[in-house]
Amino acid sequence: MYIEEIQAEGALQLNVEGKLDSINSPEFQNALLKAFQKSNNIVVNMEKVVYTSSAALRALTLGHKTASAKGGRLTLINVGPAVMDVFKMTGFDKLLNIE
């Protein structure tokens, strides 16, 4: 997994590449929480994410709760069909802000 952090207009964007599974979800979670220390608005570009597991869903839940607590926003963009299927099966498409 690879994570690139860039400053986007009005938000901090994390460009994520690879698999979000139990092995590297802690790294993703840490990157997400560190991003919220720098900005209240985080955009996660998931264009190059090919797989997501329940561990990644936990990290996204924590990110969503952190955003809510800070009065901010967590937005997912460019979610591919395979990952979107997981979000739909688990109801995360209703919980998360997906554009």
PDB file of N, CA and C in Angstrom:
ATOM      1  N   MET A   1       0.841  -1.175   0.000  1.00  0.00           N
ATOM      2  CA  MET A   1       0.000   0.000   0.000  1.00  0.00           C
ATOM      3  C   MET A   1       0.886   1.237   0.000  1.00  0.00           C
ATOM      4  N   TYR A   2       0.408   2.251  -0.685  1.00  0.00           N
ATOM      5  CA  TYR A   2       1.113   3.520  -0.771  1.00  0.00           C
ATOM      6  C   TYR A   2       0.116   4.626  -0.474  1.00  0.00           C
ATOM      7  N   ILE A   3       0.521   5.618   0.328  1.00  0.00           N
ATOM      8  CA  ILE A   3      -0.330   6.760   0.644  1.00  0.00           C
ATOM      9  C   ILE A   3       0.451   8.033   0.383  1.00  0.00           C
ATOM     10  N   GLU A   4      -0.134   8.895  -0.435  1.00  0.00           N
ATOM     11  CA  GLU A   4       0.460  10.204  -0.725  1.00  0.00           C
ATOM     12  C   GLU A   4      -0.466  11.266  -0.161  1.00  0.00           C
ATOM     13  N   GLU A   5       0.097  12.213   0.556  1.00  0.00           N
ATOM     14  CA  GLU A   5      -0.678  13.300   1.138  1.00  0.00           C
ATOM     15  C   GLU A   5      -0.412  14.566   0.332  1.00  0.00           C
ATOM     16  N   ILE A   6      -1.480  15.200  -0.139  1.00  0.00           N
ATOM     17  CA  ILE A   6      -1.333  16.451  -0.874  1.00  0.00           C
ATOM     18  C   ILE A   6      -2.353  17.464  -0.361  1.00  0.00           C
ATOM     19  N   GLN A   7      -2.011  18.734  -0.503  1.00  0.00           N
ATOM     20  CA  GLN A   7      -2.944  19.791  -0.126  1.00  0.00           C
ATOM     21  C   GLN A   7      -3.891  20.027  -1.284  1.00  0.00           C
ATOM     22  N   ALA A   8      -5.169  19.872  -1.038  1.00  0.00           N
ATOM     23  CA  ALA A   8      -6.195  20.127  -2.051  1.00  0.00           C
ATOM     24  C   ALA A   8      -6.937  21.391  -1.643  1.00  0.00           C
ATOM     25  N   GLU A   9      -7.768  21.883  -2.510  1.00  0.00           N
ATOM     26  CA  GLU A   9      -8.503  23.111  -2.223  1.00  0.00           C
ATOM     27  C   GLU A   9      -9.442  22.913  -1.033  1.00  0.00           C
ATOM     28  N   GLY A  10      -9.105  23.548   0.083  1.00  0.00           N
ATOM     29  CA  GLY A  10      -9.944  23.490   1.268  1.00  0.00           C
ATOM     30  C   GLY A  10      -9.898  22.187   2.035  1.00  0.00           C
ATOM     31  N   ALA A  11      -9.002  21.278   1.663  1.00  0.00           N
ATOM     32  CA  ALA A  11      -8.928  19.974   2.338  1.00  0.00           C
ATOM     33  C   ALA A  11      -7.530  19.385   2.176  1.00  0.00           C
ATOM     34  N   LEU A  12      -7.294  18.363   2.938  1.00  0.00           N
ATOM     35  CA  LEU A  12      -6.078  17.569   2.800  1.00  0.00           C
ATOM     36  C   LEU A  12      -6.480  16.272   2.115  1.00  0.00           C
ATOM     37  N   GLN A  13      -5.799  15.921   1.046  1.00  0.00           N
ATOM     38  CA  GLN A  13      -6.171  14.734   0.280  1.00  0.00           C
ATOM     39  C   GLN A  13      -5.149  13.631   0.471  1.00  0.00           C
ATOM     40  N   LEU A  14      -5.665  12.429   0.713  1.00  0.00           N
ATOM     41  CA  LEU A  14      -4.830  11.233   0.783  1.00  0.00           C
ATOM     42  C   LEU A  14      -5.097  10.402  -0.459  1.00  0.00           C
ATOM     43  N   ASN A  15      -4.084  10.222  -1.281  1.00  0.00           N
ATOM     44  CA  ASN A  15      -4.184   9.356  -2.454  1.00  0.00           C
ATOM     45  C   ASN A  15      -3.687   7.981  -2.030  1.00  0.00           C
ATOM     46  N   VAL A  16      -4.578   7.019  -2.027  1.00  0.00           N
ATOM     47  CA  VAL A  16      -4.274   5.676  -1.529  1.00  0.00           C
ATOM     48  C   VAL A  16      -4.182   4.721  -2.709  1.00  0.00           C
ATOM     49  N   GLU A  17      -3.184   3.842  -2.646  1.00  0.00           N
ATOM     50  CA  GLU A  17      -2.971   2.879  -3.734  1.00  0.00           C
ATOM     51  C   GLU A  17      -2.713   1.497  -3.146  1.00  0.00           C
ATOM     52  N   GLY A  18      -3.357   0.486  -3.714  1.00  0.00           N
ATOM     53  CA  GLY A  18      -3.121  -0.899  -3.305  1.00  0.00           C
ATOM     54  C   GLY A  18      -4.299  -1.501  -2.569  1.00  0.00           C
ATOM     55  N   LYS A  19      -3.985  -2.434  -1.683  1.00  0.00           N
ATOM     56  CA  LYS A  19      -5.014  -3.135  -0.908  1.00  0.00           C
ATOM     57  C   LYS A  19      -5.107  -2.538   0.491  1.00  0.00           C
ATOM     58  N   LEU A  20      -6.329  -2.374   0.969  1.00  0.00           N
ATOM     59  CA  LEU A  20      -6.568  -1.972   2.350  1.00  0.00           C
ATOM     60  C   LEU A  20      -7.045  -3.214   3.091  1.00  0.00           C
ATOM     61  N   ASP A  21      -6.091  -3.942   3.650  1.00  0.00           N
ATOM     62  CA  ASP A  21      -6.411  -5.195   4.325  1.00  0.00           C
ATOM     63  C   ASP A  21      -5.904  -5.155   5.762  1.00  0.00           C
ATOM     64  N   SER A  22      -6.007  -6.268   6.461  1.00  0.00           N
ATOM     65  CA  SER A  22      -5.636  -6.302   7.875  1.00  0.00           C
ATOM     66  C   SER A  22      -4.146  -6.054   8.093  1.00  0.00           C
ATOM     67  N   ILE A  23      -3.342  -6.296   7.094  1.00  0.00           N
ATOM     68  CA  ILE A  23      -1.892  -6.077   7.234  1.00  0.00           C
ATOM     69  C   ILE A  23      -1.553  -4.589   7.217  1.00  0.00           C
ATOM     70  N   ASN A  24      -2.156  -3.846   6.301  1.00  0.00           N
ATOM     71  CA  ASN A  24      -1.764  -2.447   6.198  1.00  0.00           C
ATOM     72  C   ASN A  24      -2.839  -1.447   6.641  1.00  0.00           C
ATOM     73  N   SER A  25      -3.961  -1.904   7.140  1.00  0.00           N
ATOM     74  CA  SER A  25      -4.981  -0.989   7.649  1.00  0.00           C
ATOM     75  C   SER A  25      -4.490  -0.122   8.808  1.00  0.00           C
ATOM     76  N   PRO A  26      -3.629  -0.653   9.702  1.00  0.00           N
ATOM     77  CA  PRO A  26      -3.104   0.237  10.741  1.00  0.00           C
ATOM     78  C   PRO A  26      -2.336   1.439  10.168  1.00  0.00           C
ATOM     79  N   GLU A  27      -1.596   1.214   9.099  1.00  0.00           N
ATOM     80  CA  GLU A  27      -0.880   2.316   8.448  1.00  0.00           C
ATOM     81  C   GLU A  27      -1.872   3.323   7.860  1.00  0.00           C
ATOM     82  N   PHE A  28      -2.920   2.818   7.230  1.00  0.00           N
ATOM     83  CA  PHE A  28      -3.955   3.687   6.673  1.00  0.00           C
ATOM     84  C   PHE A  28      -4.649   4.473   7.782  1.00  0.00           C
ATOM     85  N   GLN A  29      -4.988   3.803   8.873  1.00  0.00           N
ATOM     86  CA  GLN A  29      -5.645   4.464  10.002  1.00  0.00           C
ATOM     87  C   GLN A  29      -4.762   5.562  10.567  1.00  0.00           C
ATOM     88  N   ASN A  30      -3.470   5.281  10.752  1.00  0.00           N
ATOM     89  CA  ASN A  30      -2.535   6.292  11.265  1.00  0.00           C
ATOM     90  C   ASN A  30      -2.461   7.491  10.333  1.00  0.00           C
ATOM     91  N   ALA A  31      -2.391   7.249   9.023  1.00  0.00           N
ATOM     92  CA  ALA A  31      -2.333   8.340   8.053  1.00  0.00           C
ATOM     93  C   ALA A  31      -3.603   9.191   8.124  1.00  0.00           C
ATOM     94  N   LEU A  32      -4.731   8.539   8.284  1.00  0.00           N
ATOM     95  CA  LEU A  32      -6.007   9.237   8.379  1.00  0.00           C
ATOM     96  C   LEU A  32      -6.064  10.106   9.638  1.00  0.00           C
ATOM     97  N   LEU A  33      -5.674   9.542  10.765  1.00  0.00           N
ATOM     98  CA  LEU A  33      -5.702  10.307  12.018  1.00  0.00           C
ATOM     99  C   LEU A  33      -4.687  11.450  12.013  1.00  0.00           C
ATOM    100  N   LYS A  34      -3.514  11.228  11.440  1.00  0.00           N
ATOM    101  CA  LYS A  34      -2.525  12.306  11.319  1.00  0.00           C
ATOM    102  C   LYS A  34      -3.036  13.414  10.413  1.00  0.00           C
ATOM    103  N   ALA A  35      -3.753  13.039   9.364  1.00  0.00           N
ATOM    104  CA  ALA A  35      -4.329  14.040   8.463  1.00  0.00           C
ATOM    105  C   ALA A  35      -5.328  14.919   9.208  1.00  0.00           C
ATOM    106  N   PHE A  36      -6.111  14.325  10.100  1.00  0.00           N
ATOM    107  CA  PHE A  36      -7.083  15.104  10.870  1.00  0.00           C
ATOM    108  C   PHE A  36      -6.408  16.017  11.890  1.00  0.00           C
ATOM    109  N   GLN A  37      -5.156  15.788  12.197  1.00  0.00           N
ATOM    110  CA  GLN A  37      -4.416  16.717  13.051  1.00  0.00           C
ATOM    111  C   GLN A  37      -4.025  17.980  12.281  1.00  0.00           C
ATOM    112  N   LYS A  38      -4.006  17.868  10.955  1.00  0.00           N
ATOM    113  CA  LYS A  38      -3.609  18.987  10.101  1.00  0.00           C
ATOM    114  C   LYS A  38      -4.799  19.721   9.498  1.00  0.00           C
ATOM    115  N   SER A  39      -5.922  19.040   9.341  1.00  0.00           N
ATOM    116  CA  SER A  39      -7.089  19.627   8.679  1.00  0.00           C
ATOM    117  C   SER A  39      -8.357  18.943   9.186  1.00  0.00           C
ATOM    118  N   ASN A  40      -9.447  19.692   9.198  1.00  0.00           N
ATOM    119  CA  ASN A  40     -10.736  19.115   9.584  1.00  0.00           C
ATOM    120  C   ASN A  40     -11.440  18.454   8.407  1.00  0.00           C
ATOM    121  N   ASN A  41     -10.962  18.723   7.205  1.00  0.00           N
ATOM    122  CA  ASN A  41     -11.589  18.187   6.000  1.00  0.00           C
ATOM    123  C   ASN A  41     -10.591  17.319   5.251  1.00  0.00           C
ATOM    124  N   ILE A  42     -10.914  16.041   5.188  1.00  0.00           N
ATOM    125  CA  ILE A  42     -10.030  15.064   4.560  1.00  0.00           C
ATOM    126  C   ILE A  42     -10.748  14.432   3.377  1.00  0.00           C
ATOM    127  N   VAL A  43     -10.038  14.346   2.265  1.00  0.00           N
ATOM    128  CA  VAL A  43     -10.529  13.664   1.074  1.00  0.00           C
ATOM    129  C   VAL A  43      -9.630  12.455   0.855  1.00  0.00           C
ATOM    130  N   VAL A  44     -10.234  11.282   0.717  1.00  0.00           N
ATOM    131  CA  VAL A  44      -9.470  10.063   0.437  1.00  0.00           C
ATOM    132  C   VAL A  44      -9.764   9.657  -1.000  1.00  0.00           C
ATOM    133  N   ASN A  45      -8.739   9.750  -1.831  1.00  0.00           N
ATOM    134  CA  ASN A  45      -8.853   9.357  -3.234  1.00  0.00           C
ATOM    135  C   ASN A  45      -8.577   7.857  -3.313  1.00  0.00           C
ATOM    136  N   MET A  46      -9.614   7.094  -3.636  1.00  0.00           N
ATOM    137  CA  MET A  46      -9.507   5.637  -3.640  1.00  0.00           C
ATOM    138  C   MET A  46      -9.435   5.060  -5.061  1.00  0.00           C
ATOM    139  N   GLU A  47      -9.055   5.889  -6.007  1.00  0.00           N
ATOM    140  CA  GLU A  47      -9.003   5.477  -7.408  1.00  0.00           C
ATOM    141  C   GLU A  47      -8.140   4.232  -7.623  1.00  0.00           C
ATOM    142  N   LYS A  48      -7.050   4.102  -6.863  1.00  0.00           N
ATOM    143  CA  LYS A  48      -6.130   2.987  -7.067  1.00  0.00           C
ATOM    144  C   LYS A  48      -6.210   1.941  -5.952  1.00  0.00           C
ATOM    145  N   VAL A  49      -7.310   1.956  -5.190  1.00  0.00           N
ATOM    146  CA  VAL A  49      -7.533   0.932  -4.172  1.00  0.00           C
ATOM    147  C   VAL A  49      -8.258  -0.228  -4.846  1.00  0.00           C
ATOM    148  N   VAL A  50      -7.664  -1.409  -4.771  1.00  0.00           N
ATOM    149  CA  VAL A  50      -8.222  -2.568  -5.474  1.00  0.00           C
ATOM    150  C   VAL A  50      -8.977  -3.524  -4.556  1.00  0.00           C
ATOM    151  N   TYR A  51      -8.818  -3.345  -3.242  1.00  0.00           N
ATOM    152  CA  TYR A  51      -9.439  -4.275  -2.293  1.00  0.00           C
ATOM    153  C   TYR A  51      -9.567  -3.572  -0.954  1.00  0.00           C
ATOM    154  N   THR A  52     -10.643  -3.873  -0.249  1.00  0.00           N
ATOM    155  CA  THR A  52     -10.798  -3.367   1.113  1.00  0.00           C
ATOM    156  C   THR A  52     -11.370  -4.469   1.995  1.00  0.00           C
ATOM    157  N   SER A  53     -10.867  -4.542   3.220  1.00  0.00           N
ATOM    158  CA  SER A  53     -11.315  -5.560   4.171  1.00  0.00           C
ATOM    159  C   SER A  53     -12.058  -4.899   5.327  1.00  0.00           C
ATOM    160  N   SER A  54     -12.529  -5.716   6.248  1.00  0.00           N
ATOM    161  CA  SER A  54     -13.226  -5.187   7.424  1.00  0.00           C
ATOM    162  C   SER A  54     -12.301  -4.318   8.275  1.00  0.00           C
ATOM    163  N   ALA A  55     -11.016  -4.600   8.263  1.00  0.00           N
ATOM    164  CA  ALA A  55     -10.065  -3.775   9.015  1.00  0.00           C
ATOM    165  C   ALA A  55     -10.040  -2.353   8.451  1.00  0.00           C
ATOM    166  N   ALA A  56     -10.114  -2.231   7.139  1.00  0.00           N
ATOM    167  CA  ALA A  56     -10.157  -0.906   6.515  1.00  0.00           C
ATOM    168  C   ALA A  56     -11.476  -0.206   6.838  1.00  0.00           C
ATOM    169  N   LEU A  57     -12.549  -0.966   6.914  1.00  0.00           N
ATOM    170  CA  LEU A  57     -13.840  -0.381   7.271  1.00  0.00           C
ATOM    171  C   LEU A  57     -13.795   0.183   8.690  1.00  0.00           C
ATOM    172  N   ARG A  58     -13.092  -0.496   9.585  1.00  0.00           N
ATOM    173  CA  ARG A  58     -12.920   0.034  10.947  1.00  0.00           C
ATOM    174  C   ARG A  58     -12.158   1.348  10.914  1.00  0.00           C
ATOM    175  N   ALA A  59     -11.107   1.420  10.108  1.00  0.00           N
ATOM    176  CA  ALA A  59     -10.319   2.653   9.997  1.00  0.00           C
ATOM    177  C   ALA A  59     -11.181   3.787   9.443  1.00  0.00           C
ATOM    178  N   LEU A  60     -12.005   3.488   8.447  1.00  0.00           N
ATOM    179  CA  LEU A  60     -12.887   4.508   7.880  1.00  0.00           C
ATOM    180  C   LEU A  60     -13.951   4.945   8.878  1.00  0.00           C
ATOM    181  N   THR A  61     -14.439   4.015   9.684  1.00  0.00           N
ATOM    182  CA  THR A  61     -15.396   4.367  10.735  1.00  0.00           C
ATOM    183  C   THR A  61     -14.761   5.326  11.726  1.00  0.00           C
ATOM    184  N   LEU A  62     -13.538   5.028  12.130  1.00  0.00           N
ATOM    185  CA  LEU A  62     -12.817   5.912  13.052  1.00  0.00           C
ATOM    186  C   LEU A  62     -12.600   7.282  12.410  1.00  0.00           C
ATOM    187  N   GLY A  63     -12.266   7.311  11.133  1.00  0.00           N
ATOM    188  CA  GLY A  63     -12.108   8.575  10.424  1.00  0.00           C
ATOM    189  C   GLY A  63     -13.402   9.365  10.375  1.00  0.00           C
ATOM    190  N   HIS A  64     -14.502   8.677  10.126  1.00  0.00           N
ATOM    191  CA  HIS A  64     -15.819   9.318  10.093  1.00  0.00           C
ATOM    192  C   HIS A  64     -16.162   9.911  11.463  1.00  0.00           C
ATOM    193  N   LYS A  65     -15.914   9.161  12.525  1.00  0.00           N
ATOM    194  CA  LYS A  65     -16.188   9.645  13.884  1.00  0.00           C
ATOM    195  C   LYS A  65     -15.292  10.818  14.242  1.00  0.00           C
ATOM    196  N   THR A  66     -14.033  10.760  13.826  1.00  0.00           N
ATOM    197  CA  THR A  66     -13.102  11.856  14.092  1.00  0.00           C
ATOM    198  C   THR A  66     -13.563  13.122  13.383  1.00  0.00           C
ATOM    199  N   ALA A  67     -13.964  12.990  12.132  1.00  0.00           N
ATOM    200  CA  ALA A  67     -14.466  14.146  11.377  1.00  0.00           C
ATOM    201  C   ALA A  67     -15.679  14.754  12.066  1.00  0.00           C
ATOM    202  N   SER A  68     -16.605  13.915  12.492  1.00  0.00           N
ATOM    203  CA  SER A  68     -17.808  14.399  13.166  1.00  0.00           C
ATOM    204  C   SER A  68     -17.470  15.125  14.462  1.00  0.00           C
ATOM    205  N   ALA A  69     -16.550  14.567  15.229  1.00  0.00           N
ATOM    206  CA  ALA A  69     -16.153  15.171  16.502  1.00  0.00           C
ATOM    207  C   ALA A  69     -15.482  16.528  16.308  1.00  0.00           C
ATOM    208  N   LYS A  70     -14.786  16.695  15.195  1.00  0.00           N
ATOM    209  CA  LYS A  70     -14.080  17.952  14.923  1.00  0.00           C
ATOM    210  C   LYS A  70     -14.931  18.940  14.130  1.00  0.00           C
ATOM    211  N   GLY A  71     -16.156  18.552  13.802  1.00  0.00           N
ATOM    212  CA  GLY A  71     -16.985  19.404  12.966  1.00  0.00           C
ATOM    213  C   GLY A  71     -16.474  19.473  11.538  1.00  0.00           C
ATOM    214  N   GLY A  72     -15.772  18.422  11.129  1.00  0.00           N
ATOM    215  CA  GLY A  72     -15.174  18.386   9.797  1.00  0.00           C
ATOM    216  C   GLY A  72     -15.887  17.420   8.885  1.00  0.00           C
ATOM    217  N   ARG A  73     -15.136  16.943   7.901  1.00  0.00           N
ATOM    218  CA  ARG A  73     -15.753  16.084   6.890  1.00  0.00           C
ATOM    219  C   ARG A  73     -14.718  15.104   6.348  1.00  0.00           C
ATOM    220  N   LEU A  74     -15.143  13.870   6.176  1.00  0.00           N
ATOM    221  CA  LEU A  74     -14.350  12.842   5.509  1.00  0.00           C
ATOM    222  C   LEU A  74     -15.093  12.483   4.231  1.00  0.00           C
ATOM    223  N   THR A  75     -14.415  12.648   3.102  1.00  0.00           N
ATOM    224  CA  THR A  75     -15.027  12.383   1.806  1.00  0.00           C
ATOM    225  C   THR A  75     -14.181  11.372   1.048  1.00  0.00           C
ATOM    226  N   LEU A  76     -14.827  10.376   0.475  1.00  0.00           N
ATOM    227  CA  LEU A  76     -14.146   9.400  -0.373  1.00  0.00           C
ATOM    228  C   LEU A  76     -14.473   9.728  -1.824  1.00  0.00           C
ATOM    229  N   ILE A  77     -13.441   9.729  -2.674  1.00  0.00           N
ATOM    230  CA  ILE A  77     -13.660  10.001  -4.089  1.00  0.00           C
ATOM    231  C   ILE A  77     -13.075   8.871  -4.933  1.00  0.00           C
ATOM    232  N   ASN A  78     -13.568   8.763  -6.140  1.00  0.00           N
ATOM    233  CA  ASN A  78     -13.056   7.791  -7.116  1.00  0.00           C
ATOM    234  C   ASN A  78     -13.053   6.354  -6.588  1.00  0.00           C
ATOM    235  N   VAL A  79     -14.129   5.972  -5.929  1.00  0.00           N
ATOM    236  CA  VAL A  79     -14.241   4.617  -5.385  1.00  0.00           C
ATOM    237  C   VAL A  79     -14.582   3.669  -6.533  1.00  0.00           C
ATOM    238  N   GLY A  80     -13.737   2.668  -6.731  1.00  0.00           N
ATOM    239  CA  GLY A  80     -13.938   1.702  -7.807  1.00  0.00           C
ATOM    240  C   GLY A  80     -15.088   0.743  -7.522  1.00  0.00           C
ATOM    241  N   PRO A  81     -15.536   0.026  -8.547  1.00  0.00           N
ATOM    242  CA  PRO A  81     -16.690  -0.866  -8.405  1.00  0.00           C
ATOM    243  C   PRO A  81     -16.520  -1.962  -7.358  1.00  0.00           C
ATOM    244  N   ALA A  82     -15.347  -2.590  -7.271  1.00  0.00           N
ATOM    245  CA  ALA A  82     -15.153  -3.682  -6.306  1.00  0.00           C
ATOM    246  C   ALA A  82     -15.241  -3.169  -4.870  1.00  0.00           C
ATOM    247  N   VAL A  83     -14.641  -2.013  -4.615  1.00  0.00           N
ATOM    248  CA  VAL A  83     -14.688  -1.431  -3.269  1.00  0.00           C
ATOM    249  C   VAL A  83     -16.099  -0.924  -2.981  1.00  0.00           C
ATOM    250  N   MET A  84     -16.741  -0.329  -3.967  1.00  0.00           N
ATOM    251  CA  MET A  84     -18.115   0.152  -3.773  1.00  0.00           C
ATOM    252  C   MET A  84     -19.060  -1.003  -3.456  1.00  0.00           C
ATOM    253  N   ASP A  85     -18.836  -2.150  -4.055  1.00  0.00           N
ATOM    254  CA  ASP A  85     -19.650  -3.330  -3.738  1.00  0.00           C
ATOM    255  C   ASP A  85     -19.541  -3.680  -2.260  1.00  0.00           C
ATOM    256  N   VAL A  86     -18.339  -3.614  -1.718  1.00  0.00           N
ATOM    257  CA  VAL A  86     -18.133  -3.886  -0.283  1.00  0.00           C
ATOM    258  C   VAL A  86     -18.875  -2.849   0.545  1.00  0.00           C
ATOM    259  N   PHE A  87     -18.771  -1.580   0.167  1.00  0.00           N
ATOM    260  CA  PHE A  87     -19.478  -0.525   0.898  1.00  0.00           C
ATOM    261  C   PHE A  87     -20.987  -0.753   0.863  1.00  0.00           C
ATOM    262  N   LYS A  88     -21.515  -1.152  -0.282  1.00  0.00           N
ATOM    263  CA  LYS A  88     -22.956  -1.381  -0.398  1.00  0.00           C
ATOM    264  C   LYS A  88     -23.401  -2.592   0.413  1.00  0.00           C
ATOM    265  N   MET A  89     -22.618  -3.671   0.389  1.00  0.00           N
ATOM    266  CA  MET A  89     -22.977  -4.885   1.145  1.00  0.00           C
ATOM    267  C   MET A  89     -22.972  -4.648   2.653  1.00  0.00           C
ATOM    268  N   THR A  90     -22.117  -3.729   3.106  1.00  0.00           N
ATOM    269  CA  THR A  90     -21.982  -3.483   4.541  1.00  0.00           C
ATOM    270  C   THR A  90     -22.759  -2.263   5.016  1.00  0.00           C
ATOM    271  N   GLY A  91     -23.372  -1.533   4.084  1.00  0.00           N
ATOM    272  CA  GLY A  91     -24.115  -0.332   4.454  1.00  0.00           C
ATOM    273  C   GLY A  91     -23.248   0.908   4.595  1.00  0.00           C
ATOM    274  N   PHE A  92     -21.970   0.779   4.309  1.00  0.00           N
ATOM    275  CA  PHE A  92     -21.066   1.913   4.436  1.00  0.00           C
ATOM    276  C   PHE A  92     -21.345   2.987   3.381  1.00  0.00           C
ATOM    277  N   ASP A  93     -22.003   2.618   2.298  1.00  0.00           N
ATOM    278  CA  ASP A  93     -22.361   3.621   1.292  1.00  0.00           C
ATOM    279  C   ASP A  93     -23.357   4.628   1.855  1.00  0.00           C
ATOM    280  N   LYS A  94     -24.078   4.254   2.911  1.00  0.00           N
ATOM    281  CA  LYS A  94     -25.022   5.162   3.571  1.00  0.00           C
ATOM    282  C   LYS A  94     -24.349   5.953   4.692  1.00  0.00           C
ATOM    283  N   LEU A  95     -23.302   5.383   5.290  1.00  0.00           N
ATOM    284  CA  LEU A  95     -22.604   6.021   6.406  1.00  0.00           C
ATOM    285  C   LEU A  95     -21.596   7.054   5.935  1.00  0.00           C
ATOM    286  N   LEU A  96     -20.823   6.720   4.918  1.00  0.00           N
ATOM    287  CA  LEU A  96     -19.728   7.561   4.470  1.00  0.00           C
ATOM    288  C   LEU A  96     -20.164   8.527   3.377  1.00  0.00           C
ATOM    289  N   ASN A  97     -19.462   9.646   3.302  1.00  0.00           N
ATOM    290  CA  ASN A  97     -19.695  10.619   2.247  1.00  0.00           C
ATOM    291  C   ASN A  97     -18.857  10.193   1.045  1.00  0.00           C
ATOM    292  N   ILE A  98     -19.512   9.652   0.012  1.00  0.00           N
ATOM    293  CA  ILE A  98     -18.822   9.135  -1.171  1.00  0.00           C
ATOM    294  C   ILE A  98     -19.254   9.965  -2.371  1.00  0.00           C
ATOM    295  N   GLU A  99     -18.273  10.533  -3.053  1.00  0.00           N
ATOM    296  CA  GLU A  99     -18.566  11.340  -4.250  1.00  0.00           C
ATOM    297  C   GLU A  99     -18.024  10.664  -5.472  1.00  0.00           C
TER     298      GLU A  99
END
